[in-house]
Amino acid sequence: MNKRLTDKEALELLQNSNLKEIGEMALRKKQELHPDNIVSFIVDRNINYTNVCWVDCSFCAFYRHQKSDEAYVLSFKEIGKKIEELLSIGGTQILFQGGVHPKLKIEWYEELVEWISKNYPEITIHGFSAVEIDYIAKISKISYKEVLQRLYDKGLFSMPGAGAEVLSDRVREVIAPKKLTSDEWIAVHRAAHEIGMKTTATMMFGSVDNDEDIVEHLRRVRELQDETGGFRAFILWSFQPNHTKLQQEGIVKFRASPNRYLKLLALSRLYLDNFKNIQSSWVTQGSYIGQLALLFGANDLGSTMMEENVVSAAGVSNKMNQEEMIKLIKDIGATPAKRDTAYNILEVFK
């Protein structure tokens, strides 16, 4: 039986191993968990139903205040058109998130989820972040569990891990002081898992975080996974500083290097021994680092992402279609497969 990495050992690996060494360790771990050599991906679309947000995160270039000329809330008809475009290319999931709108209560979200579920039953809604759930609970004066149960009853069965950033309150106080705390993020996901809703865990590194913060984050999600088993996957990506307050104020000047991304990805595979799926973040890293991530512990290439607005608002725009994903996966000697939200394989490409 493999011995579980301690925090001290994780820190030692992060600070003193070379990239090749930790990459080889992570690849071996991935191969133990995925001996079939399949690398999966999903065809989906990121729909940001609103860009209105009052949280003012200094790392975000996407949000607008309610009175801004660029502020919007999509109509159900506009959302439907986007879903129909996704269905036309064989998509199965919408990644559905928005800003934290100050006036939208639980009833609006219930109506929206029910409308999508009834009109597009073949589409899975992978929707809303812990930040959105936290605010819906507060403005509607109900608990996290009630918010999630009411949305589950209308057709929401999966929640993304956005809003985690780094689960260190030292970091959060600098980059997003109005956002929920680390404990609250964990509490939202615990509540989701308790009602049977599966979620993903994420980490956005490269703002003001250090190695100790990274290990703290990994420990928090590993502990919750031990407790509930409710996470389907872990996704890591780097902070994109362009057009953000953190860059404008000189707090963060540069993007984290691809080497840093690959090392943290490899560490995640080794430390998160209770996560079967780790996703490559080609959206922030580009297709070739995204491909290389498959040799550093990732077993999933993520989404073709028909639409992406948040990262592109920071000046980073990487695109990939299904054919390109299949080629990248085959190029490293793996077998590509299209999956659904629950990581069930839908089609294998030999």
Protein backbone atom coordinates (compact mmCIF):
# COMPACT_ATOMS: atom_id res chain seq x y z
CA MET A 1 0.00 0.00 0.00
CA ASN A 2 1.35 3.41 -0.96
CA LYS A 3 2.13 5.73 1.95
CA ARG A 4 0.19 8.99 1.96
CA LEU A 5 2.22 12.18 1.48
CA THR A 6 2.43 14.37 4.56
CA ASP A 7 2.32 18.17 4.32
CA LYS A 8 6.02 18.28 5.20
CA GLU A 9 6.88 15.81 2.42
CA ALA A 10 4.70 17.74 -0.05
CA LEU A 11 6.53 20.96 0.79
CA GLU A 12 9.88 19.19 0.43
CA LEU A 13 8.89 17.88 -3.01
CA LEU A 14 7.66 21.27 -4.12
CA GLN A 15 10.78 23.11 -3.01
CA ASN A 16 13.56 20.60 -3.67
CA SER A 17 12.57 18.12 -6.39
CA ASN A 18 13.45 18.87 -9.99
CA LEU A 19 10.69 19.09 -12.58
CA LYS A 20 11.64 15.87 -14.38
CA GLU A 21 11.75 13.88 -11.15
CA ILE A 22 8.37 14.98 -9.80
CA GLY A 23 6.82 14.65 -13.27
CA GLU A 24 7.92 11.01 -13.54
CA MET A 25 6.53 10.28 -10.07
CA ALA A 26 3.18 11.84 -10.99
CA LEU A 27 3.01 9.98 -14.30
CA ARG A 28 3.55 6.66 -12.53
CA LYS A 29 0.79 7.52 -10.07
CA LYS A 30 -1.57 8.41 -12.90
CA GLN A 31 -0.80 5.14 -14.69
CA GLU A 32 -1.63 3.19 -11.52
CA LEU A 33 -5.04 4.87 -11.36
CA HIS A 34 -5.68 4.80 -15.13
CA PRO A 35 -4.01 1.65 -16.53
CA ASP A 36 -6.25 1.78 -19.62
CA ASN A 37 -4.20 4.79 -20.89
CA ILE A 38 -7.38 6.70 -21.73
CA VAL A 39 -7.32 10.51 -21.66
CA SER A 40 -10.81 11.98 -21.56
CA PHE A 41 -12.37 15.31 -22.54
CA ILE A 42 -15.84 16.83 -22.62
CA VAL A 43 -17.65 18.92 -25.23
CA ASP A 44 -19.29 21.79 -23.40
CA ARG A 45 -19.90 25.51 -23.33
CA ASN A 46 -19.16 28.05 -20.64
CA ILE A 47 -22.22 30.26 -20.23
CA ASN A 48 -21.75 33.30 -18.00
CA TYR A 49 -25.36 34.27 -17.33
CA THR A 50 -24.34 37.65 -15.88
CA ASN A 51 -21.18 39.72 -15.49
CA VAL A 52 -22.73 41.82 -12.72
CA CYS A 53 -20.79 41.33 -9.48
CA TRP A 54 -20.39 43.29 -6.27
CA VAL A 55 -17.49 41.23 -4.83
CA ASP A 56 -14.74 43.29 -6.56
CA CYS A 57 -12.07 40.57 -6.66
CA SER A 58 -8.76 42.19 -7.54
CA PHE A 59 -7.75 39.21 -9.71
CA CYS A 60 -10.80 39.39 -12.01
CA ALA A 61 -11.00 41.35 -15.26
CA PHE A 62 -14.46 40.03 -16.21
CA TYR A 63 -16.90 41.52 -13.70
CA ARG A 64 -18.85 44.79 -14.01
CA HIS A 65 -20.89 46.73 -11.47
CA GLN A 66 -24.65 46.79 -11.92
CA LYS A 67 -24.76 50.35 -13.28
CA SER A 68 -21.97 49.80 -15.82
CA ASP A 69 -22.86 50.23 -19.50
CA GLU A 70 -21.30 46.79 -20.10
CA ALA A 71 -23.34 45.01 -17.41
CA TYR A 72 -25.72 42.25 -18.56
CA VAL A 73 -28.00 39.44 -17.42
CA LEU A 74 -28.79 36.97 -20.20
CA SER A 75 -32.43 36.28 -20.95
CA PHE A 76 -33.69 32.69 -20.93
CA LYS A 77 -34.05 32.98 -24.71
CA GLU A 78 -30.39 34.00 -25.11
CA ILE A 79 -29.31 31.12 -22.87
CA GLY A 80 -31.44 28.73 -24.91
CA LYS A 81 -29.82 29.86 -28.15
CA LYS A 82 -26.37 29.18 -26.70
CA ILE A 83 -27.44 25.70 -25.56
CA GLU A 84 -28.88 24.90 -28.99
CA GLU A 85 -25.58 25.90 -30.61
CA LEU A 86 -23.79 23.54 -28.21
CA LEU A 87 -26.19 20.67 -28.95
CA SER A 88 -25.55 21.12 -32.67
CA ILE A 89 -21.88 20.11 -32.18
CA GLY A 90 -22.63 17.19 -29.87
CA GLY A 91 -22.15 18.98 -26.54
CA THR A 92 -23.41 17.45 -23.32
CA GLN A 93 -22.72 20.01 -20.57
CA ILE A 94 -22.94 23.70 -19.81
CA LEU A 95 -20.51 25.19 -17.30
CA PHE A 96 -22.93 27.74 -15.92
CA GLN A 97 -21.59 30.56 -13.77
CA GLY A 98 -21.92 34.29 -13.34
CA GLY A 99 -20.87 37.17 -11.22
CA VAL A 100 -22.43 37.54 -7.78
CA HIS A 101 -25.45 39.59 -8.74
CA PRO A 102 -26.68 41.64 -5.76
CA LYS A 103 -30.39 41.27 -6.53
CA LEU A 104 -30.97 37.72 -7.78
CA LYS A 105 -32.56 35.47 -5.13
CA ILE A 106 -33.16 31.73 -4.96
CA GLU A 107 -36.49 31.92 -6.85
CA TRP A 108 -34.78 33.34 -9.96
CA TYR A 109 -32.21 30.53 -9.95
CA GLU A 110 -34.88 27.87 -9.38
CA GLU A 111 -36.87 29.14 -12.35
CA LEU A 112 -33.76 29.25 -14.54
CA VAL A 113 -32.56 25.72 -13.66
CA GLU A 114 -36.04 24.30 -14.11
CA TRP A 115 -36.43 26.02 -17.48
CA ILE A 116 -33.13 24.63 -18.78
CA SER A 117 -33.84 21.13 -17.42
CA LYS A 118 -37.30 20.97 -18.99
CA ASN A 119 -36.33 22.44 -22.36
CA TYR A 120 -32.93 20.75 -22.74
CA PRO A 121 -33.07 17.50 -20.71
CA GLU A 122 -30.06 16.06 -22.59
CA ILE A 123 -27.81 18.82 -21.21
CA THR A 124 -26.13 18.55 -17.80
CA ILE A 125 -25.90 21.80 -15.86
CA HIS A 126 -22.50 21.98 -14.12
CA GLY A 127 -23.43 25.18 -12.43
CA PHE A 128 -22.81 27.95 -9.92
CA SER A 129 -19.83 28.43 -7.66
CA ALA A 130 -19.62 28.30 -3.88
CA VAL A 131 -19.44 32.10 -3.98
CA GLU A 132 -22.78 32.30 -5.78
CA ILE A 133 -24.37 29.71 -3.45
CA ASP A 134 -23.07 31.59 -0.41
CA TYR A 135 -24.62 34.86 -1.58
CA ILE A 136 -27.92 33.28 -2.70
CA ALA A 137 -28.19 31.80 0.81
CA LYS A 138 -27.52 35.16 2.46
CA ILE A 139 -29.82 37.28 0.30
CA SER A 140 -32.58 34.63 0.46
CA LYS A 141 -32.08 34.09 4.22
CA ILE A 142 -31.78 30.29 3.95
CA SER A 143 -28.99 27.76 4.54
CA TYR A 144 -26.45 26.49 2.02
CA LYS A 145 -28.13 23.09 2.14
CA GLU A 146 -31.57 24.54 1.38
CA VAL A 147 -30.24 26.53 -1.58
CA LEU A 148 -28.56 23.44 -3.00
CA GLN A 149 -31.50 21.13 -2.30
CA ARG A 150 -33.95 23.49 -3.99
CA LEU A 151 -31.69 23.77 -7.05
CA TYR A 152 -31.09 19.99 -7.04
CA ASP A 153 -34.85 19.45 -7.06
CA LYS A 154 -35.08 21.62 -10.19
CA GLY A 155 -32.28 19.81 -12.06
CA LEU A 156 -28.86 20.95 -10.83
CA PHE A 157 -26.78 17.85 -10.11
CA SER A 158 -23.20 19.11 -10.44
CA MET A 159 -21.30 22.14 -9.10
CA PRO A 160 -17.89 23.46 -10.21
CA GLY A 161 -15.13 24.37 -7.78
CA ALA A 162 -14.73 27.99 -8.81
CA GLY A 163 -14.21 30.56 -6.10
CA ALA A 164 -11.71 28.43 -4.19
CA GLU A 165 -8.74 30.43 -5.54
CA VAL A 166 -6.29 29.37 -2.78
CA LEU A 167 -7.90 28.11 0.42
CA SER A 168 -5.74 30.26 2.64
CA ASP A 169 -7.41 33.22 4.32
CA ARG A 170 -4.09 35.08 4.27
CA VAL A 171 -4.26 35.03 0.45
CA ARG A 172 -8.01 35.66 0.25
CA GLU A 173 -7.78 38.78 2.40
CA VAL A 174 -5.48 40.31 -0.23
CA ILE A 175 -7.11 39.20 -3.49
CA ALA A 176 -10.81 38.90 -2.56
CA PRO A 177 -11.61 40.30 0.90
CA LYS A 178 -15.38 40.38 0.22
CA LYS A 179 -15.49 36.76 -0.94
CA LEU A 180 -16.42 33.85 1.32
CA THR A 181 -13.74 32.41 3.61
CA SER A 182 -11.90 29.13 3.12
CA ASP A 183 -14.13 27.49 5.75
CA GLU A 184 -17.26 28.75 3.99
CA TRP A 185 -16.08 27.40 0.62
CA ILE A 186 -15.54 24.01 2.24
CA ALA A 187 -18.94 24.25 3.96
CA VAL A 188 -20.76 24.87 0.65
CA HIS A 189 -19.12 21.84 -0.96
CA ARG A 190 -19.75 19.70 2.11
CA ALA A 191 -23.45 20.67 1.95
CA ALA A 192 -23.57 19.77 -1.75
CA HIS A 193 -21.99 16.38 -1.10
CA GLU A 194 -24.41 15.71 1.76
CA ILE A 195 -27.43 16.01 -0.55
CA GLY A 196 -25.79 13.84 -3.23
CA MET A 197 -24.57 16.62 -5.51
CA LYS A 198 -21.10 15.95 -6.92
CA THR A 199 -18.65 18.83 -7.33
CA THR A 200 -15.13 19.58 -8.49
CA ALA A 201 -12.27 21.16 -6.56
CA THR A 202 -10.09 23.86 -8.09
CA MET A 203 -7.11 26.03 -7.27
CA MET A 204 -6.01 29.30 -8.85
CA PHE A 205 -2.36 29.85 -7.97
CA GLY A 206 0.13 32.56 -8.85
CA SER A 207 -1.30 35.65 -7.16
CA VAL A 208 0.17 36.27 -3.68
CA ASP A 209 0.28 32.62 -2.59
CA ASN A 210 3.41 30.82 -1.41
CA ASP A 211 4.33 27.13 -1.15
CA GLU A 212 2.79 26.76 2.31
CA ASP A 213 -0.51 28.20 1.03
CA ILE A 214 -0.52 25.68 -1.82
CA VAL A 215 -0.06 22.74 0.53
CA GLU A 216 -2.73 24.12 2.89
CA HIS A 217 -5.18 24.25 -0.01
CA LEU A 218 -4.42 20.68 -1.08
CA ARG A 219 -4.82 19.48 2.52
CA ARG A 220 -8.25 21.13 2.85
CA VAL A 221 -9.67 19.49 -0.26
CA ARG A 222 -8.08 16.10 0.51
CA GLU A 223 -9.62 16.17 3.99
CA LEU A 224 -13.09 16.95 2.63
CA GLN A 225 -12.73 14.21 0.02
CA ASP A 226 -11.80 11.78 2.81
CA GLU A 227 -14.95 12.85 4.63
CA THR A 228 -17.50 12.88 1.79
CA GLY A 229 -16.03 11.42 -1.43
CA GLY A 230 -18.03 14.07 -3.26
CA PHE A 231 -15.37 15.57 -5.54
CA ARG A 232 -15.20 14.21 -9.07
CA ALA A 233 -12.00 15.96 -10.11
CA PHE A 234 -9.34 18.52 -9.27
CA ILE A 235 -8.47 21.38 -11.63
CA LEU A 236 -5.50 23.70 -11.22
CA TRP A 237 -4.88 26.89 -13.16
CA SER A 238 -2.65 29.94 -12.98
CA PHE A 239 -3.73 33.50 -12.25
CA GLN A 240 -3.87 35.67 -15.38
CA PRO A 241 -2.83 39.17 -14.24
CA ASN A 242 -3.47 41.32 -17.32
CA HIS A 243 -6.19 44.00 -16.89
CA THR A 244 -6.68 43.12 -13.20
CA LYS A 245 -6.33 45.35 -10.13
CA LEU A 246 -3.54 43.14 -8.78
CA GLN A 247 -1.45 44.00 -11.83
CA GLN A 248 -2.47 47.65 -11.97
CA GLU A 249 -1.49 48.10 -8.32
CA GLY A 250 1.84 46.35 -8.89
CA ILE A 251 1.08 43.49 -6.48
CA VAL A 252 1.45 40.82 -9.17
CA LYS A 253 3.48 41.69 -12.26
CA PHE A 254 3.94 38.40 -14.10
CA ARG A 255 2.13 35.17 -14.89
CA ALA A 256 3.40 32.05 -13.17
CA SER A 257 5.73 30.02 -15.41
CA PRO A 258 4.69 26.81 -17.19
CA ASN A 259 7.30 25.01 -15.06
CA ARG A 260 5.54 26.16 -11.90
CA TYR A 261 2.20 24.98 -13.30
CA LEU A 262 3.56 21.55 -14.20
CA LYS A 263 5.28 21.11 -10.83
CA LEU A 264 2.12 22.01 -8.91
CA LEU A 265 0.07 19.72 -11.14
CA ALA A 266 2.44 16.84 -10.46
CA LEU A 267 2.33 17.54 -6.73
CA SER A 268 -1.47 17.59 -6.85
CA ARG A 269 -1.52 14.12 -8.42
CA LEU A 270 0.82 12.79 -5.74
CA TYR A 271 -0.81 14.49 -2.75
CA LEU A 272 -4.48 14.10 -3.73
CA ASP A 273 -4.43 10.32 -3.51
CA ASN A 274 -8.22 10.21 -3.11
CA PHE A 275 -8.93 12.03 -6.41
CA LYS A 276 -9.15 9.80 -9.46
CA ASN A 277 -9.40 12.61 -11.99
CA ILE A 278 -7.05 15.55 -12.44
CA GLN A 279 -7.70 17.92 -15.30
CA SER A 280 -5.23 19.77 -17.51
CA SER A 281 -5.80 23.52 -17.82
CA TRP A 282 -5.04 24.22 -21.47
CA VAL A 283 -7.33 27.28 -21.35
CA THR A 284 -4.76 29.20 -19.28
CA GLN A 285 -1.62 27.31 -20.33
CA GLY A 286 -2.15 26.85 -24.05
CA SER A 287 -2.61 23.59 -25.93
CA TYR A 288 0.99 22.35 -25.80
CA ILE A 289 1.53 22.86 -22.06
CA GLY A 290 -1.95 21.42 -21.69
CA GLN A 291 -0.73 18.37 -23.60
CA LEU A 292 2.47 18.17 -21.53
CA ALA A 293 0.33 18.20 -18.38
CA LEU A 294 -0.89 14.73 -19.42
CA LEU A 295 2.67 13.52 -18.72
CA PHE A 296 2.67 15.26 -15.31
CA GLY A 297 -0.33 13.55 -13.77
CA ALA A 298 -3.43 14.84 -15.59
CA ASN A 299 -5.75 12.22 -17.09
CA ASP A 300 -8.32 14.60 -18.53
CA LEU A 301 -7.92 17.41 -21.06
CA GLY A 302 -10.97 19.25 -19.82
CA SER A 303 -13.42 20.91 -22.13
CA THR A 304 -13.44 22.00 -25.74
CA MET A 305 -15.07 25.09 -24.20
CA MET A 306 -17.15 26.47 -27.03
CA GLU A 307 -17.27 29.83 -25.21
CA GLU A 308 -14.97 31.34 -22.57
CA ASN A 309 -15.22 34.88 -21.21
CA VAL A 310 -13.44 35.14 -17.86
CA VAL A 311 -9.88 34.16 -18.77
CA SER A 312 -10.12 35.94 -22.12
CA ALA A 313 -11.06 39.15 -20.26
CA ALA A 314 -7.53 38.99 -18.84
CA GLY A 315 -6.09 38.89 -22.37
CA VAL A 316 -5.53 35.12 -22.64
CA SER A 317 -7.41 33.38 -25.42
CA ASN A 318 -6.65 29.74 -26.20
CA LYS A 319 -9.05 27.69 -28.30
CA MET A 320 -9.30 24.00 -29.14
CA ASN A 321 -11.88 21.82 -30.87
CA GLN A 322 -12.56 18.10 -30.55
CA GLU A 323 -10.30 17.12 -33.46
CA GLU A 324 -7.35 19.06 -32.02
CA MET A 325 -7.87 17.44 -28.62
CA ILE A 326 -7.92 13.97 -30.16
CA LYS A 327 -4.67 14.69 -32.03
CA LEU A 328 -2.88 16.05 -28.93
CA ILE A 329 -3.90 13.00 -26.90
CA LYS A 330 -2.84 10.55 -29.61
CA ASP A 331 0.48 12.38 -30.00
CA ILE A 332 1.54 11.29 -26.50
CA GLY A 333 0.52 7.69 -27.16
CA ALA A 334 -2.74 7.78 -25.18
CA THR A 335 -6.27 6.88 -26.26
CA PRO A 336 -8.71 9.82 -26.53
CA ALA A 337 -12.25 9.45 -25.22
CA LYS A 338 -15.23 11.77 -25.02
CA ARG A 339 -16.90 11.78 -21.57
CA ASP A 340 -19.86 13.26 -19.76
CA THR A 341 -19.94 15.34 -16.56
CA ALA A 342 -19.74 12.21 -14.36
CA TYR A 343 -16.63 10.98 -16.23
CA ASN A 344 -18.58 8.20 -17.94
CA ILE A 345 -16.96 7.41 -21.29
CA LEU A 346 -19.29 8.14 -24.21
CA GLU A 347 -17.02 7.45 -27.18
CA VAL A 348 -13.47 6.15 -27.59
CA PHE A 349 -11.36 7.28 -30.56
CA LYS A 350 -8.92 4.55 -31.60
